[in-house]
Protein backbone atom coordinates (compact mmCIF):
# COMPACT_ATOMS: atom_id res chain seq x y z
CA MET A 1 18.20 23.60 -2.65
CA MET A 2 17.57 21.29 -5.57
CA LYS A 3 18.60 17.67 -6.00
CA ARG A 4 20.38 17.17 -9.32
CA PHE A 5 20.52 14.10 -11.53
CA LYS A 6 22.82 13.92 -14.56
CA PHE A 7 21.71 12.30 -17.80
CA ASN A 8 23.60 11.44 -20.96
CA PRO A 9 21.98 13.05 -24.03
CA ASN A 10 23.90 10.66 -26.30
CA GLU A 11 21.95 7.66 -24.93
CA GLY A 12 18.79 8.80 -26.71
CA LEU A 13 16.56 8.07 -23.72
CA ILE A 14 16.50 9.66 -20.29
CA LEU A 15 16.14 6.74 -17.89
CA CYS A 16 15.13 6.84 -14.24
CA LYS A 17 14.13 4.48 -11.46
CA ALA A 18 10.90 4.75 -9.52
CA ARG A 19 9.47 3.08 -6.44
CA LEU A 20 5.77 2.26 -6.53
CA ALA A 21 4.06 1.18 -3.35
CA ASP A 22 0.72 0.17 -1.95
CA LYS A 23 0.15 -0.33 1.77
CA GLU A 24 2.12 -3.58 2.03
CA GLN A 25 3.91 -4.13 -1.29
CA SER A 26 6.37 -2.16 -3.39
CA ALA A 27 8.17 -2.52 -6.69
CA PHE A 28 11.08 -0.75 -8.34
CA VAL A 29 10.80 -0.01 -12.07
CA LYS A 30 12.96 1.48 -14.79
CA LEU A 31 11.13 4.22 -16.69
CA VAL A 32 11.91 6.53 -19.57
CA VAL A 33 11.22 10.23 -19.01
CA ASP A 34 8.62 11.03 -21.68
CA THR A 35 7.65 14.69 -22.01
CA GLY A 36 5.31 13.66 -24.83
CA ALA A 37 3.23 11.47 -22.51
CA SER A 38 0.54 13.36 -20.62
CA ILE A 39 0.16 10.54 -18.09
CA THR A 40 2.59 8.07 -16.52
CA MET A 41 2.37 4.48 -17.77
CA ILE A 42 3.37 1.21 -16.08
CA SER A 43 2.96 -2.40 -17.08
CA ILE A 44 0.07 -4.54 -15.92
CA GLU A 45 2.58 -6.83 -14.16
CA THR A 46 3.96 -3.91 -12.14
CA ALA A 47 0.48 -2.93 -10.97
CA LEU A 48 -0.25 -6.52 -9.96
CA ALA A 49 3.13 -6.72 -8.15
CA ILE A 50 2.01 -3.99 -5.76
CA GLY A 51 -1.44 -5.48 -5.27
CA ILE A 52 -3.46 -3.38 -7.71
CA ASP A 53 -5.56 -5.21 -10.32
CA PRO A 54 -6.00 -2.98 -13.40
CA ALA A 55 -8.93 -5.17 -14.53
CA LYS A 56 -10.93 -3.80 -11.58
CA SER A 57 -10.46 -0.19 -12.65
CA THR A 58 -13.64 1.75 -13.36
CA ARG A 59 -11.78 4.42 -15.36
CA GLN A 60 -10.30 4.05 -18.82
CA VAL A 61 -8.68 6.28 -21.40
CA GLU A 62 -7.70 5.92 -25.05
CA ILE A 63 -3.99 6.19 -25.75
CA THR A 64 -2.14 6.18 -29.05
CA THR A 65 0.65 3.64 -29.39
CA ALA A 66 2.90 2.61 -32.27
CA SER A 67 0.36 -0.11 -33.11
CA GLY A 68 -2.71 2.15 -32.96
CA THR A 69 -5.22 3.46 -30.45
CA VAL A 70 -6.05 1.29 -27.43
CA LEU A 71 -8.34 1.64 -24.42
CA VAL A 72 -6.40 1.21 -21.18
CA PRO A 73 -7.30 1.28 -17.48
CA ILE A 74 -6.35 4.18 -15.21
CA ILE A 75 -5.30 3.28 -11.67
CA LYS A 76 -4.07 5.29 -8.69
CA ILE A 77 -0.65 4.42 -7.31
CA PRO A 78 -0.79 5.15 -3.54
CA SER A 79 2.91 6.12 -3.37
CA PHE A 80 4.98 6.92 -6.48
CA THR A 81 8.57 8.06 -5.83
CA CYS A 82 11.04 9.18 -8.47
CA PHE A 83 13.95 11.66 -8.37
CA GLY A 84 13.52 11.68 -4.60
CA ILE A 85 9.99 13.11 -4.85
CA GLU A 86 6.95 11.18 -3.62
CA ILE A 87 3.55 11.81 -5.19
CA LYS A 88 0.56 10.24 -3.43
CA ASN A 89 -2.30 8.71 -5.46
CA LEU A 90 -0.74 9.32 -8.86
CA ASP A 91 -3.04 8.49 -11.79
CA THR A 92 -1.25 5.97 -13.97
CA VAL A 93 -2.31 4.05 -17.07
CA CYS A 94 -1.60 0.34 -17.35
CA HIS A 95 -0.31 -0.92 -20.67
CA ASN A 96 2.48 -3.31 -21.55
CA LEU A 97 5.29 -2.02 -23.74
CA PRO A 98 6.73 -4.42 -26.33
CA SER A 99 8.71 -7.27 -24.75
CA GLN A 100 11.98 -6.01 -26.27
CA SER A 101 11.58 -2.61 -24.54
CA PRO A 102 14.48 -1.71 -22.21
CA VAL A 103 12.08 -0.04 -19.74
CA ASP A 104 9.04 -0.94 -17.63
CA GLY A 105 7.05 2.16 -18.50
CA LEU A 106 6.95 5.91 -19.10
CA LEU A 107 7.29 8.77 -16.65
CA GLY A 108 4.76 11.28 -17.95
CA LEU A 109 3.94 14.93 -17.50
CA ASN A 110 1.44 14.31 -14.69
CA PHE A 111 4.36 13.24 -12.46
CA LEU A 112 6.92 15.71 -13.85
CA SER A 113 4.66 18.74 -13.34
CA SER A 114 3.34 17.63 -9.93
CA ALA A 115 6.89 17.04 -8.70
CA LYS A 116 8.09 20.34 -10.20
CA ILE A 117 10.88 18.59 -12.12
CA ILE A 118 13.13 20.80 -14.25
CA ILE A 119 14.93 19.28 -17.24
CA ASP A 120 17.89 21.42 -18.34
CA PHE A 121 19.06 20.09 -21.69
CA SER A 122 21.84 22.70 -21.92
CA LYS A 123 23.48 21.18 -18.80
CA ASN A 124 22.12 17.60 -19.09
CA ILE A 125 20.66 17.85 -15.58
CA ILE A 126 17.30 17.02 -14.09
CA SER A 127 16.57 19.04 -10.95
CA ALA A 128 14.04 18.14 -8.28
CA PRO A 129 13.13 20.36 -5.34
CA ASP A 130 14.15 19.34 -1.84
CA LYS A 131 11.18 18.93 0.45
């Protein structure tokens, strides 16, 4: 059986909520589903809120933003849950979106493919497998 989540195609963005957790701390964030993003992105503040300091990351990657190419840290989120699916140790980049952004980050393909998420635009439904 699959869990189903409706979305409104007229809103322009597909929004979702995710829970990010380390051993002792967790945070809830609003993300936009971004099939054009190869990796999930959260803000630096979100990482710090769950006890992860992006400045201590030893891995970095270049990403292209509206303002150009920037080098950003890659961190592992110990527990990343969205659409009822938990992924352990999800690689995530840390970069702040513009302050006027309605979301805290982007849900990228690394989560969507690992979680086996299906987006059906003909029915406006996102399906996630039951565990």
